[in-house]
Amino acid sequence: MDQGAVKVIVHEVLGGVFDVFGAIAEARFVFAPSDQNDTDQDSLSALIEILPVCVRAKVSGGGELALLWSTADVARIQAITDNQEPKETLDEEDLARFE
C-alpha cells in the first residue's frame, strides 16, 4: 500500500473514528501511530497483554487494520452505548459484539 495512503488512513480516518468514540464516551482518545518496523514480537506481546480486545478489518486491495482496546475501555464504550453502568469484566457475549 502506498505510504501516503497509509498516513491518510492513520491520521484522518482513524482520527475521525476516535473523535466519534470520544463524543460517545465523553472522553478524549489519543492515538500514537508507530512504524511497522518498530513493532517486534516482544513489544507486540506486551501490547496485547494490556490491550487484549482486537477489532480487525481487511482493507480492500490488501492489508489489514487492527484496533487494540483494553477491556475497561470496551466495557465503558459498551455501557455508554447500552445506557448502563460499566462492568468490571466482560463475558464472551459482550466480547462477541466486537467480532
N, C-alpha and C. Protein backbone atom coordinates (compact mmCIF):
# COMPACT_ATOMS: atom_id res chain seq x y z
N MET A 1 0.85 -1.18 0.00
CA MET A 1 0.00 0.00 0.00
C MET A 1 0.90 1.23 0.00
N ASP A 2 0.48 2.24 -0.70
CA ASP A 2 1.21 3.49 -0.79
C ASP A 2 1.34 4.12 0.60
N GLN A 3 2.55 4.56 0.96
CA GLN A 3 2.80 5.14 2.29
C GLN A 3 1.99 6.41 2.53
N GLY A 4 1.75 7.18 1.48
CA GLY A 4 0.92 8.37 1.62
C GLY A 4 -0.51 8.00 2.00
N ALA A 5 -1.04 6.94 1.38
CA ALA A 5 -2.39 6.47 1.70
C ALA A 5 -2.45 5.97 3.13
N VAL A 6 -1.40 5.28 3.57
CA VAL A 6 -1.35 4.79 4.94
C VAL A 6 -1.43 5.96 5.92
N LYS A 7 -0.68 7.01 5.67
CA LYS A 7 -0.69 8.17 6.56
C LYS A 7 -2.06 8.83 6.60
N VAL A 8 -2.73 8.91 5.46
CA VAL A 8 -4.08 9.49 5.42
C VAL A 8 -5.03 8.64 6.25
N ILE A 9 -4.96 7.32 6.08
CA ILE A 9 -5.84 6.43 6.84
C ILE A 9 -5.58 6.59 8.33
N VAL A 10 -4.34 6.55 8.71
CA VAL A 10 -4.00 6.62 10.13
C VAL A 10 -4.41 7.96 10.73
N HIS A 11 -4.02 9.04 10.12
CA HIS A 11 -4.24 10.36 10.72
C HIS A 11 -5.65 10.91 10.52
N GLU A 12 -6.21 10.73 9.36
CA GLU A 12 -7.51 11.33 9.07
C GLU A 12 -8.66 10.40 9.42
N VAL A 13 -8.64 9.20 8.87
CA VAL A 13 -9.75 8.27 9.08
C VAL A 13 -9.81 7.82 10.53
N LEU A 14 -8.69 7.32 11.05
CA LEU A 14 -8.70 6.86 12.43
C LEU A 14 -8.88 8.02 13.40
N GLY A 15 -8.36 9.19 13.06
CA GLY A 15 -8.61 10.36 13.89
C GLY A 15 -10.10 10.64 13.99
N GLY A 16 -10.83 10.51 12.87
CA GLY A 16 -12.27 10.68 12.88
C GLY A 16 -12.98 9.61 13.69
N VAL A 17 -12.50 8.37 13.56
CA VAL A 17 -13.09 7.27 14.35
C VAL A 17 -12.94 7.56 15.84
N PHE A 18 -11.76 7.98 16.24
CA PHE A 18 -11.54 8.26 17.66
C PHE A 18 -12.31 9.49 18.12
N ASP A 19 -12.52 10.45 17.23
CA ASP A 19 -13.37 11.60 17.58
C ASP A 19 -14.79 11.14 17.87
N VAL A 20 -15.30 10.20 17.06
CA VAL A 20 -16.65 9.68 17.28
C VAL A 20 -16.71 8.92 18.61
N PHE A 21 -15.75 8.03 18.85
CA PHE A 21 -15.72 7.30 20.13
C PHE A 21 -15.61 8.29 21.29
N GLY A 22 -14.82 9.32 21.12
CA GLY A 22 -14.67 10.32 22.17
C GLY A 22 -15.98 11.04 22.47
N ALA A 23 -16.74 11.35 21.41
CA ALA A 23 -18.03 12.01 21.60
C ALA A 23 -19.00 11.07 22.31
N ILE A 24 -19.00 9.79 21.95
CA ILE A 24 -19.88 8.82 22.59
C ILE A 24 -19.51 8.65 24.06
N ALA A 25 -18.21 8.51 24.32
CA ALA A 25 -17.74 8.23 25.68
C ALA A 25 -17.51 9.48 26.51
N GLU A 26 -17.70 10.65 25.88
CA GLU A 26 -17.42 11.91 26.55
C GLU A 26 -16.00 11.90 27.14
N ALA A 27 -15.07 11.45 26.30
CA ALA A 27 -13.66 11.37 26.69
C ALA A 27 -12.83 11.64 25.45
N ARG A 28 -11.59 12.00 25.66
CA ARG A 28 -10.69 12.27 24.54
C ARG A 28 -9.77 11.08 24.35
N PHE A 29 -9.71 10.57 23.13
CA PHE A 29 -8.81 9.47 22.80
C PHE A 29 -7.55 10.05 22.19
N VAL A 30 -6.43 9.52 22.57
CA VAL A 30 -5.16 9.93 21.99
C VAL A 30 -4.57 8.69 21.34
N PHE A 31 -4.17 8.81 20.10
CA PHE A 31 -3.54 7.67 19.45
C PHE A 31 -2.19 8.09 18.91
N ALA A 32 -1.26 7.16 18.97
CA ALA A 32 0.10 7.43 18.52
C ALA A 32 0.52 6.32 17.57
N PRO A 33 0.37 6.54 16.28
CA PRO A 33 0.77 5.50 15.33
C PRO A 33 2.28 5.28 15.38
N SER A 34 2.66 4.04 15.17
CA SER A 34 4.08 3.72 15.12
C SER A 34 4.40 3.05 13.81
N ASP A 35 5.64 3.11 13.43
CA ASP A 35 6.10 2.46 12.22
C ASP A 35 6.05 0.95 12.42
N GLN A 36 5.66 0.23 11.39
CA GLN A 36 5.58 -1.22 11.47
C GLN A 36 6.92 -1.82 11.91
N ASN A 37 8.00 -1.22 11.50
CA ASN A 37 9.32 -1.73 11.85
C ASN A 37 9.63 -1.59 13.33
N ASP A 38 8.89 -0.72 14.03
CA ASP A 38 9.10 -0.53 15.46
C ASP A 38 8.46 -1.63 16.29
N THR A 39 7.67 -2.50 15.67
CA THR A 39 6.90 -3.50 16.39
C THR A 39 7.58 -4.86 16.28
N ASP A 40 8.34 -5.22 17.30
CA ASP A 40 8.92 -6.55 17.34
C ASP A 40 7.98 -7.47 18.12
N GLN A 41 8.26 -8.75 18.12
CA GLN A 41 7.38 -9.73 18.76
C GLN A 41 7.20 -9.46 20.25
N ASP A 42 8.25 -9.11 20.96
CA ASP A 42 8.13 -8.83 22.39
C ASP A 42 7.26 -7.61 22.66
N SER A 43 7.44 -6.56 21.87
CA SER A 43 6.63 -5.35 22.04
C SER A 43 5.16 -5.64 21.75
N LEU A 44 4.92 -6.42 20.70
CA LEU A 44 3.56 -6.76 20.34
C LEU A 44 2.91 -7.63 21.43
N SER A 45 3.63 -8.58 21.96
CA SER A 45 3.10 -9.42 23.04
C SER A 45 2.77 -8.59 24.28
N ALA A 46 3.62 -7.64 24.61
CA ALA A 46 3.36 -6.77 25.77
C ALA A 46 2.14 -5.89 25.52
N LEU A 47 1.99 -5.41 24.30
CA LEU A 47 0.85 -4.58 23.95
C LEU A 47 -0.46 -5.37 24.04
N ILE A 48 -0.46 -6.58 23.53
CA ILE A 48 -1.66 -7.42 23.58
C ILE A 48 -2.00 -7.80 25.01
N GLU A 49 -1.02 -7.88 25.86
CA GLU A 49 -1.26 -8.17 27.28
C GLU A 49 -2.11 -7.07 27.93
N ILE A 50 -1.85 -5.81 27.60
CA ILE A 50 -2.61 -4.72 28.22
C ILE A 50 -3.81 -4.29 27.38
N LEU A 51 -3.83 -4.67 26.10
CA LEU A 51 -4.93 -4.33 25.21
C LEU A 51 -5.44 -5.61 24.53
N PRO A 52 -6.16 -6.45 25.27
CA PRO A 52 -6.49 -7.79 24.77
C PRO A 52 -7.66 -7.88 23.78
N VAL A 53 -8.44 -6.82 23.61
CA VAL A 53 -9.58 -6.87 22.69
C VAL A 53 -9.13 -6.29 21.36
N CYS A 54 -9.24 -7.11 20.32
CA CYS A 54 -8.77 -6.70 19.00
C CYS A 54 -9.94 -6.69 18.02
N VAL A 55 -10.11 -5.57 17.33
CA VAL A 55 -11.10 -5.46 16.27
C VAL A 55 -10.32 -5.32 14.97
N ARG A 56 -10.50 -6.30 14.07
CA ARG A 56 -9.73 -6.31 12.84
C ARG A 56 -10.62 -6.06 11.63
N ALA A 57 -10.03 -5.46 10.63
CA ALA A 57 -10.74 -5.23 9.37
C ALA A 57 -9.77 -5.46 8.22
N LYS A 58 -10.25 -6.11 7.18
CA LYS A 58 -9.44 -6.29 5.98
C LYS A 58 -9.59 -5.05 5.11
N VAL A 59 -8.51 -4.63 4.51
CA VAL A 59 -8.51 -3.47 3.63
C VAL A 59 -8.60 -3.99 2.20
N SER A 60 -9.60 -3.51 1.45
CA SER A 60 -9.70 -3.97 0.06
C SER A 60 -8.44 -3.56 -0.68
N GLY A 61 -7.95 -4.45 -1.50
CA GLY A 61 -6.70 -4.19 -2.19
C GLY A 61 -5.50 -4.74 -1.44
N GLY A 62 -5.75 -5.29 -0.24
CA GLY A 62 -4.68 -5.90 0.53
C GLY A 62 -4.43 -5.22 1.85
N GLY A 63 -4.01 -6.00 2.81
CA GLY A 63 -3.67 -5.49 4.12
C GLY A 63 -4.80 -5.63 5.12
N GLU A 64 -4.48 -5.36 6.36
CA GLU A 64 -5.45 -5.41 7.45
C GLU A 64 -5.20 -4.25 8.39
N LEU A 65 -6.22 -3.93 9.15
CA LEU A 65 -6.17 -2.88 10.15
C LEU A 65 -6.66 -3.49 11.45
N ALA A 66 -6.00 -3.19 12.55
CA ALA A 66 -6.44 -3.71 13.84
C ALA A 66 -6.46 -2.58 14.86
N LEU A 67 -7.52 -2.54 15.64
CA LEU A 67 -7.61 -1.63 16.77
C LEU A 67 -7.56 -2.48 18.02
N LEU A 68 -6.64 -2.16 18.91
CA LEU A 68 -6.50 -2.89 20.17
C LEU A 68 -7.08 -2.04 21.29
N TRP A 69 -7.88 -2.67 22.15
CA TRP A 69 -8.57 -1.97 23.23
C TRP A 69 -8.33 -2.68 24.55
N SER A 70 -8.32 -1.92 25.61
CA SER A 70 -8.31 -2.53 26.94
C SER A 70 -9.72 -3.00 27.24
N THR A 71 -9.85 -3.99 28.09
CA THR A 71 -11.16 -4.49 28.49
C THR A 71 -11.97 -3.38 29.15
N ALA A 72 -11.32 -2.57 29.97
CA ALA A 72 -12.02 -1.47 30.66
C ALA A 72 -12.58 -0.46 29.66
N ASP A 73 -11.82 -0.12 28.62
CA ASP A 73 -12.30 0.83 27.61
C ASP A 73 -13.49 0.27 26.85
N VAL A 74 -13.42 -1.01 26.48
CA VAL A 74 -14.53 -1.64 25.78
C VAL A 74 -15.77 -1.68 26.67
N ALA A 75 -15.56 -1.99 27.95
CA ALA A 75 -16.69 -2.02 28.89
C ALA A 75 -17.34 -0.65 29.01
N ARG A 76 -16.52 0.41 29.05
CA ARG A 76 -17.07 1.77 29.14
C ARG A 76 -17.86 2.14 27.88
N ILE A 77 -17.30 1.84 26.73
CA ILE A 77 -17.98 2.16 25.47
C ILE A 77 -19.28 1.37 25.36
N GLN A 78 -19.23 0.09 25.71
CA GLN A 78 -20.42 -0.74 25.65
C GLN A 78 -21.48 -0.23 26.63
N ALA A 79 -21.08 0.15 27.81
CA ALA A 79 -22.03 0.65 28.82
C ALA A 79 -22.69 1.94 28.33
N ILE A 80 -21.91 2.81 27.73
CA ILE A 80 -22.47 4.07 27.23
C ILE A 80 -23.46 3.81 26.10
N THR A 81 -23.10 2.93 25.17
CA THR A 81 -23.99 2.65 24.05
C THR A 81 -25.24 1.90 24.51
N ASP A 82 -25.15 1.13 25.60
CA ASP A 82 -26.30 0.41 26.14
C ASP A 82 -27.02 1.18 27.24
N ASN A 83 -26.50 2.38 27.56
CA ASN A 83 -27.08 3.22 28.62
C ASN A 83 -27.12 2.47 29.96
N GLN A 84 -25.99 1.86 30.32
CA GLN A 84 -25.87 1.10 31.56
C GLN A 84 -24.59 1.52 32.28
N GLU A 85 -24.43 1.01 33.50
CA GLU A 85 -23.19 1.22 34.24
C GLU A 85 -22.12 0.27 33.67
N PRO A 86 -20.85 0.72 33.60
CA PRO A 86 -19.79 -0.16 33.08
C PRO A 86 -19.59 -1.39 33.95
N LYS A 87 -19.29 -2.51 33.31
CA LYS A 87 -18.99 -3.76 34.01
C LYS A 87 -17.50 -3.78 34.36
N GLU A 88 -17.18 -4.53 35.40
CA GLU A 88 -15.77 -4.71 35.76
C GLU A 88 -15.07 -5.62 34.77
N THR A 89 -15.77 -6.66 34.32
CA THR A 89 -15.20 -7.60 33.36
C THR A 89 -16.24 -7.85 32.27
N LEU A 90 -15.78 -8.30 31.13
CA LEU A 90 -16.67 -8.61 30.02
C LEU A 90 -16.72 -10.12 29.83
N ASP A 91 -17.92 -10.63 29.58
CA ASP A 91 -18.06 -12.06 29.32
C ASP A 91 -17.98 -12.32 27.80
N GLU A 92 -18.08 -13.57 27.41
CA GLU A 92 -17.96 -13.93 25.99
C GLU A 92 -19.03 -13.26 25.13
N GLU A 93 -20.24 -13.13 25.66
CA GLU A 93 -21.32 -12.49 24.93
C GLU A 93 -21.00 -11.01 24.66
N ASP A 94 -20.45 -10.35 25.67
CA ASP A 94 -20.06 -8.95 25.48
C ASP A 94 -18.99 -8.81 24.40
N LEU A 95 -17.97 -9.65 24.48
CA LEU A 95 -16.86 -9.57 23.53
C LEU A 95 -17.29 -9.97 22.12
N ALA A 96 -18.30 -10.85 22.01
CA ALA A 96 -18.76 -11.29 20.70
C ALA A 96 -19.34 -10.13 19.88
N ARG A 97 -19.80 -9.09 20.55
CA ARG A 97 -20.36 -7.93 19.83
C ARG A 97 -19.29 -7.22 19.02
N PHE A 98 -18.02 -7.44 19.35
CA PHE A 98 -16.93 -6.75 18.67
C PHE A 98 -16.27 -7.62 17.61
N GLU A 99 -16.83 -8.79 17.35
CA GLU A 99 -16.24 -9.68 16.33
C GLU A 99 -16.76 -9.35 14.96
